[in-house]
Amino acid sequence: RRASKYAVKTLMEEKQVGLAGEPTIFNAETRSIFDDFFVELVRMTPFEASFRITGIMVVGMVIFWIVYCIESNGFQTTDKSGQIRPSTRWEIFLYCLSVSSTLGSSPAEPIGSLSLLTANFHAVLVQMWVVFVTGVFFTRITRTKPHIKVAQKAVIGVFNDRPALMIRFAFNSSKEELVDVRYYMTYSRNTIGSSGKSFYKFDRLDLMLSEQPRCRIGRTLVHFMDQDSPLKGKTLEDLRRSHAVVEIAVFGSERHSLQPAIVFNMFSSNDGDIIEGYNYANMTVIRGKTRLLDLQKIDCVEPVEFPDDSKELDTSTQ
C-alpha cells in the first residue's frame, strides 16, 4: 500500500512538472471526419491520407459492383472470336475497376437500362472524386515549410545593459527567405485571481523588432524585462511556480512562391526550456572577407552578469 501511495504521489509530481501551456481537451463532442474531410486529409500524414483515400475508392467500387450485378444480363462481353455473351461477375468487377481508376478499358460494357444509368452516375462521381483528391494533393505539396532551426533554450540574460528574454532562430539554407515577416512572443502562466480561483493568463510580449520586410539568415527575438513588461522582476523560479510558458510565432510569405509560412515553438519553464543568467554565444565566424554563420552553435550559451540596477530590482520585488 505504501508503494502504491508513493507511485501515485510520484505520478502526480511528474504531471505537475509537465503542467504547461493550454489544457488538453477531453469529454468533447466528437464529429464525423466527413464534416470537414478536405481539411482532415490535409492534416493527416501522407500514409494515413493515402490509406483513407484508397479505402473510400475500394468501398465505392464494391458498392457499384453490387448495384451492377442486380440487373441480370446488364453487361455484355465481346470475346476474341467476336462472339457476344453476357458478362461474368468478375468481368463486371473489372469494369468497375476501370471506371474507378479512370482507365476506361474493360472487356465488359453496360447494355441494360439500370446498368447504363448507374455507369453514368459512377463516372460523374469518379470525376468529382479525382478533382477532390487532386485538390488535396496540390494543397499538401504547395504548403510552404520553411527549414528553420530554433534554439532549444530561451535565455534570460542581458541585452544593451538591460535584462531581456531572448530566443533565436536561423534558416538552415541560404536559399530560404521570408518577406513581410511578423514576430510574436506570448507569455502564459497560471495565475490566482482576487476570488482565489486559478486561471491561465496570456500576455503578448513587446519585442525590440516585431516586423521586418525581409528575413534571410535568422533573427534573435528580444523582449526587455523592464518598464511595462509582465516579466519585470521575475526570476526563473517565479516562472516555474506559475508553470510559465513562452511561445514564439513567425508569420511571413515565402519570397518566390508568396505562399504563407508559419513557424511556432514553445518553451516551458518547468521542462527546462528557459534558462537564466546566460546570453547566446556568437554564431558568426569570419574567414578572410567572408562572414559565416555556424548553425552548430545555435544552442551555445555563455554566462552573463546582470547590471546592478536589475539585481536591486529583483531583490525589491521578491
Protein backbone atom coordinates (compact mmCIF):
# COMPACT_ATOMS: atom_id res chain seq x y z
CA ARG A 1 0.00 0.00 0.00
CA ARG A 2 2.88 2.35 0.82
CA ALA A 3 4.46 1.55 -2.51
CA SER A 4 1.23 2.32 -4.36
CA LYS A 5 0.83 5.63 -2.48
CA TYR A 6 4.41 6.53 -3.37
CA ALA A 7 3.80 5.65 -7.02
CA VAL A 8 0.67 7.81 -7.14
CA LYS A 9 2.49 10.69 -5.47
CA THR A 10 5.39 10.39 -7.91
CA LEU A 11 2.99 10.32 -10.86
CA MET A 12 1.22 13.44 -9.61
CA GLU A 13 4.54 15.24 -9.21
CA GLU A 14 5.52 14.32 -12.75
CA LYS A 15 2.20 15.64 -14.04
CA GLN A 16 2.67 18.88 -12.13
CA VAL A 17 6.12 19.36 -13.61
CA GLY A 18 4.69 18.99 -17.09
CA LEU A 19 1.77 21.35 -16.41
CA ALA A 20 2.31 23.94 -19.11
CA GLY A 21 0.54 25.59 -21.99
CA GLU A 22 -3.07 25.16 -22.97
CA PRO A 23 -5.02 22.31 -21.33
CA THR A 24 -5.76 19.06 -23.12
CA ILE A 25 -9.41 18.74 -24.18
CA PHE A 26 -11.38 15.69 -23.16
CA ASN A 27 -15.09 14.78 -22.91
CA ALA A 28 -15.56 16.76 -26.12
CA GLU A 29 -18.31 16.10 -28.62
CA THR A 30 -16.97 14.03 -31.47
CA ARG A 31 -17.90 14.79 -35.02
CA SER A 32 -17.64 12.79 -38.18
CA ILE A 33 -14.45 13.09 -40.19
CA PHE A 34 -16.59 13.89 -43.23
CA ASP A 35 -17.76 17.17 -41.65
CA ASP A 36 -14.54 18.77 -42.87
CA PHE A 37 -13.00 15.95 -44.84
CA PHE A 38 -10.74 18.11 -47.03
CA VAL A 39 -9.03 19.77 -44.05
CA GLU A 40 -8.74 16.45 -42.23
CA LEU A 41 -6.94 14.89 -45.20
CA VAL A 42 -4.55 17.83 -45.33
CA ARG A 43 -3.82 17.48 -41.61
CA MET A 44 -3.11 13.74 -41.78
CA THR A 45 0.22 12.16 -42.53
CA PRO A 46 0.73 11.18 -46.19
CA PHE A 47 0.38 7.48 -45.35
CA GLU A 48 -2.85 7.94 -43.40
CA ALA A 49 -4.35 10.22 -46.05
CA SER A 50 -3.44 7.76 -48.84
CA PHE A 51 -4.88 4.89 -46.84
CA ARG A 52 -8.21 6.66 -46.32
CA ILE A 53 -8.46 7.80 -49.94
CA THR A 54 -7.74 4.29 -51.20
CA GLY A 55 -10.21 2.79 -48.73
CA ILE A 56 -13.00 5.08 -49.87
CA MET A 57 -12.29 4.23 -53.50
CA VAL A 58 -12.39 0.48 -52.77
CA VAL A 59 -15.64 0.74 -50.78
CA GLY A 60 -17.28 2.81 -53.53
CA MET A 61 -16.11 0.37 -56.19
CA VAL A 62 -17.58 -2.60 -54.29
CA ILE A 63 -20.91 -0.79 -53.80
CA PHE A 64 -21.21 -0.02 -57.52
CA TRP A 65 -20.21 -3.59 -58.38
CA ILE A 66 -23.08 -4.89 -56.23
CA VAL A 67 -25.51 -2.50 -57.93
CA TYR A 68 -24.28 -3.57 -61.37
CA CYS A 69 -24.85 -7.23 -60.51
CA ILE A 70 -28.51 -6.61 -59.58
CA GLU A 71 -29.62 -6.40 -63.19
CA SER A 72 -29.34 -9.74 -64.97
CA ASN A 73 -27.72 -9.56 -68.41
CA GLY A 74 -27.00 -5.86 -67.80
CA PHE A 75 -23.49 -6.26 -69.24
CA GLN A 76 -22.16 -7.94 -72.33
CA THR A 77 -18.66 -9.02 -73.30
CA THR A 78 -17.19 -9.49 -76.76
CA ASP A 79 -14.81 -12.45 -76.96
CA LYS A 80 -11.65 -12.52 -79.03
CA SER A 81 -13.53 -14.52 -81.62
CA GLY A 82 -16.09 -11.72 -81.92
CA GLN A 83 -18.94 -13.53 -80.16
CA ILE A 84 -21.09 -11.52 -77.72
CA ARG A 85 -22.12 -13.13 -74.44
CA PRO A 86 -23.36 -11.98 -71.01
CA SER A 87 -20.57 -10.75 -68.76
CA THR A 88 -19.47 -12.66 -65.70
CA ARG A 89 -19.32 -11.02 -62.28
CA TRP A 90 -15.53 -10.91 -62.49
CA GLU A 91 -15.71 -9.03 -65.79
CA ILE A 92 -18.22 -6.63 -64.26
CA PHE A 93 -15.80 -6.09 -61.36
CA LEU A 94 -13.05 -5.31 -63.88
CA TYR A 95 -15.37 -2.77 -65.49
CA CYS A 96 -15.93 -1.20 -62.05
CA LEU A 97 -12.18 -1.05 -61.54
CA SER A 98 -11.58 0.58 -64.92
CA VAL A 99 -14.20 3.29 -64.27
CA SER A 100 -12.94 3.96 -60.73
CA SER A 101 -9.34 4.26 -61.95
CA THR A 102 -10.43 6.37 -65.00
CA LEU A 103 -8.56 3.91 -67.23
CA GLY A 104 -11.66 3.21 -69.28
CA SER A 105 -10.53 -0.14 -70.65
CA SER A 106 -12.67 -3.19 -69.87
CA PRO A 107 -13.94 -6.30 -71.73
CA ALA A 108 -17.46 -5.65 -70.40
CA GLU A 109 -19.84 -2.85 -71.34
CA PRO A 110 -23.24 -1.92 -69.90
CA ILE A 111 -26.31 -2.51 -72.06
CA GLY A 112 -29.17 -2.65 -69.56
CA SER A 113 -31.13 0.45 -68.53
CA LEU A 114 -30.17 0.23 -64.84
CA SER A 115 -26.56 -0.57 -65.67
CA LEU A 116 -26.27 2.35 -68.10
CA LEU A 117 -27.83 4.77 -65.60
CA THR A 118 -25.56 3.53 -62.81
CA ALA A 119 -22.48 3.63 -65.05
CA ASN A 120 -23.05 7.28 -65.94
CA PHE A 121 -23.62 8.19 -62.31
CA HIS A 122 -20.50 6.22 -61.41
CA ALA A 123 -18.40 8.12 -63.97
CA VAL A 124 -19.60 11.52 -62.71
CA LEU A 125 -18.76 10.62 -59.10
CA VAL A 126 -15.33 9.39 -60.11
CA GLN A 127 -14.59 12.67 -61.91
CA MET A 128 -15.65 14.66 -58.85
CA TRP A 129 -13.53 12.41 -56.62
CA VAL A 130 -10.48 12.89 -58.87
CA VAL A 131 -10.87 16.67 -58.67
CA PHE A 132 -11.21 16.44 -54.87
CA VAL A 133 -8.13 14.24 -54.45
CA THR A 134 -6.15 16.46 -56.83
CA GLY A 135 -7.01 19.46 -54.65
CA VAL A 136 -5.81 17.64 -51.54
CA PHE A 137 -2.60 16.60 -53.28
CA PHE A 138 -1.70 20.06 -54.52
CA THR A 139 -2.64 21.65 -51.20
CA ARG A 140 -0.21 19.34 -49.44
CA ILE A 141 2.70 19.77 -51.85
CA THR A 142 2.33 23.56 -52.19
CA ARG A 143 2.40 24.20 -48.46
CA THR A 144 5.46 26.23 -47.53
CA LYS A 145 7.56 24.62 -44.83
CA PRO A 146 10.47 26.92 -44.06
CA HIS A 147 13.51 25.00 -42.90
CA ILE A 148 14.08 26.94 -39.69
CA LYS A 149 16.13 25.81 -36.72
CA VAL A 150 15.10 27.29 -33.37
CA ALA A 151 17.33 27.31 -30.32
CA GLN A 152 16.38 24.64 -27.79
CA LYS A 153 16.60 27.07 -24.88
CA ALA A 154 15.17 30.52 -24.31
CA VAL A 155 17.60 32.62 -22.29
CA ILE A 156 17.06 35.33 -19.68
CA GLY A 157 20.16 37.48 -20.00
CA VAL A 158 21.32 40.99 -20.75
CA PHE A 159 20.96 42.95 -23.97
CA ASN A 160 22.25 46.53 -24.18
CA ASP A 161 22.70 46.55 -20.38
CA ARG A 162 19.03 45.69 -19.88
CA PRO A 163 17.57 42.39 -18.66
CA ALA A 164 15.92 40.63 -21.55
CA LEU A 165 14.26 37.39 -22.61
CA MET A 166 15.78 36.21 -25.87
CA ILE A 167 15.00 33.43 -28.37
CA ARG A 168 16.85 33.00 -31.62
CA PHE A 169 16.29 31.05 -34.81
CA ALA A 170 18.11 30.63 -38.11
CA PHE A 171 17.39 29.28 -41.57
CA ASN A 172 19.10 26.01 -42.48
CA SER A 173 19.69 27.20 -46.03
CA SER A 174 20.76 30.48 -47.56
CA LYS A 175 18.03 29.98 -50.18
CA GLU A 176 15.32 30.32 -47.53
CA GLU A 177 13.82 33.79 -47.39
CA LEU A 178 10.63 35.27 -45.97
CA VAL A 179 9.06 38.62 -46.77
CA ASP A 180 6.55 40.72 -44.86
CA VAL A 181 7.56 38.97 -41.64
CA ARG A 182 5.89 39.45 -38.26
CA TYR A 183 7.21 38.14 -34.96
CA TYR A 184 5.17 37.39 -31.86
CA MET A 185 6.12 36.27 -28.37
CA THR A 186 3.43 35.14 -25.92
CA TYR A 187 3.84 34.70 -22.17
CA SER A 188 1.30 32.44 -20.46
CA ARG A 189 1.17 31.34 -16.84
CA ASN A 190 -1.07 30.09 -14.09
CA THR A 191 -2.50 32.99 -12.06
CA ILE A 192 -4.67 33.18 -8.97
CA GLY A 193 -7.33 35.87 -9.17
CA SER A 194 -8.82 38.01 -6.43
CA SER A 195 -11.54 35.41 -5.87
CA GLY A 196 -8.92 32.76 -5.14
CA LYS A 197 -9.63 30.83 -8.31
CA SER A 198 -6.81 29.79 -10.59
CA PHE A 199 -6.83 30.61 -14.28
CA TYR A 200 -4.35 30.69 -17.15
CA LYS A 201 -3.38 34.18 -18.29
CA PHE A 202 -1.86 35.15 -21.61
CA ASP A 203 0.18 38.27 -22.37
CA ARG A 204 1.73 39.36 -25.62
CA LEU A 205 5.29 40.49 -25.02
CA ASP A 206 6.60 43.55 -26.83
CA LEU A 207 9.62 42.82 -28.98
CA MET A 208 12.54 45.03 -29.89
CA LEU A 209 11.75 44.15 -33.51
CA SER A 210 8.26 42.85 -34.26
CA GLU A 211 8.09 43.39 -38.04
CA GLN A 212 10.54 43.08 -40.86
CA PRO A 213 10.10 43.44 -44.63
CA ARG A 214 12.63 40.68 -45.28
CA CYS A 215 14.28 37.91 -43.26
CA ARG A 216 17.05 35.79 -44.77
CA ILE A 217 19.54 34.45 -42.24
CA GLY A 218 17.67 34.43 -38.95
CA ARG A 219 16.79 36.60 -36.02
CA THR A 220 17.08 36.87 -32.25
CA LEU A 221 13.78 37.94 -30.74
CA VAL A 222 14.39 40.22 -27.76
CA HIS A 223 11.90 41.25 -25.08
CA PHE A 224 13.16 43.70 -22.46
CA MET A 225 12.07 42.70 -18.95
CA ASP A 226 11.63 46.22 -17.60
CA GLN A 227 9.19 49.11 -17.62
CA ASP A 228 5.75 47.75 -18.58
CA SER A 229 6.81 44.15 -19.10
CA PRO A 230 4.75 41.48 -17.28
CA LEU A 231 8.09 39.74 -16.68
CA LYS A 232 9.51 42.71 -14.77
CA GLY A 233 11.35 41.45 -11.71
CA LYS A 234 10.51 37.82 -12.45
CA THR A 235 13.10 35.14 -11.80
CA LEU A 236 13.26 31.67 -13.25
CA GLU A 237 11.85 30.26 -10.00
CA ASP A 238 8.87 32.62 -10.28
CA LEU A 239 8.23 31.33 -13.79
CA ARG A 240 8.40 27.72 -12.64
CA ARG A 241 5.99 28.28 -9.77
CA SER A 242 3.43 29.70 -12.17
CA HIS A 243 4.08 27.00 -14.81
CA ALA A 244 5.03 29.71 -17.26
CA VAL A 245 5.31 29.05 -20.98
CA VAL A 246 6.80 31.31 -23.62
CA GLU A 247 5.73 30.77 -27.20
CA ILE A 248 7.07 32.39 -30.34
CA ALA A 249 5.37 32.65 -33.71
CA VAL A 250 6.86 33.73 -37.02
CA PHE A 251 4.47 34.70 -39.83
CA GLY A 252 5.57 35.57 -43.32
CA SER A 253 5.45 34.70 -47.01
CA GLU A 254 7.98 32.70 -48.96
CA ARG A 255 9.63 35.15 -51.31
CA HIS A 256 9.37 33.23 -54.59
CA SER A 257 6.03 31.42 -54.24
CA LEU A 258 4.44 34.03 -51.92
CA GLN A 259 2.85 31.15 -50.03
CA PRO A 260 2.18 31.85 -46.32
CA ALA A 261 4.73 30.39 -43.91
CA ILE A 262 4.13 29.91 -40.19
CA VAL A 263 6.55 28.70 -37.51
CA PHE A 264 5.64 28.03 -33.87
CA ASN A 265 7.77 26.98 -30.94
CA MET A 266 7.03 26.69 -27.23
CA PHE A 267 9.38 26.94 -24.24
CA SER A 268 8.24 25.60 -20.87
CA SER A 269 9.92 26.82 -17.69
CA ASN A 270 9.07 23.58 -15.87
CA ASP A 271 10.62 21.43 -18.59
CA GLY A 272 13.92 23.31 -18.52
CA ASP A 273 13.37 25.13 -21.80
CA ILE A 274 14.15 28.52 -20.19
CA ILE A 275 17.49 29.26 -18.54
CA GLU A 276 18.58 32.33 -16.57
CA GLY A 277 21.87 34.18 -16.43
CA TYR A 278 23.02 33.37 -19.95
CA ASN A 279 23.33 35.02 -23.33
CA TYR A 280 23.55 33.28 -26.67
CA ALA A 281 27.10 32.71 -27.87
CA ASN A 282 28.24 34.30 -31.10
CA MET A 283 27.47 32.16 -34.15
CA THR A 284 29.39 34.27 -36.66
CA VAL A 285 32.73 33.02 -37.98
CA ILE A 286 35.00 35.29 -40.04
CA ARG A 287 37.12 33.63 -42.72
CA GLY A 288 39.01 36.15 -44.75
CA LYS A 289 36.46 38.54 -46.16
CA THR A 290 33.60 36.06 -45.73
CA ARG A 291 31.26 36.04 -42.79
CA LEU A 292 29.86 32.59 -41.99
CA LEU A 293 27.03 31.51 -39.68
CA ASP A 294 27.78 28.31 -37.77
CA LEU A 295 24.40 26.66 -37.10
CA GLN A 296 26.02 24.14 -34.77
CA LYS A 297 26.40 26.99 -32.28
CA ILE A 298 22.74 27.97 -32.25
CA ASP A 299 22.27 26.31 -28.85
CA CYS A 300 25.56 27.55 -27.38
CA VAL A 301 25.25 29.99 -24.47
CA GLU A 302 27.67 31.88 -22.25
CA PRO A 303 27.18 33.16 -18.68
CA VAL A 304 26.43 36.83 -18.18
CA GLU A 305 26.16 39.12 -15.16
CA PHE A 306 23.12 41.29 -14.72
CA PRO A 307 23.59 45.05 -14.22
CA ASP A 308 23.45 46.30 -10.64
CA ASP A 309 20.11 48.06 -11.13
CA SER A 310 18.47 44.87 -12.36
CA LYS A 311 19.74 42.99 -9.30
CA GLU A 312 18.28 45.64 -7.00
CA LEU A 313 15.03 45.40 -8.94
CA ASP A 314 14.84 41.64 -8.45
CA THR A 315 15.58 41.94 -4.73
CA SER A 316 12.94 44.60 -4.15
CA THR A 317 10.22 42.62 -5.90
CA GLN A 318 10.79 39.31 -4.13
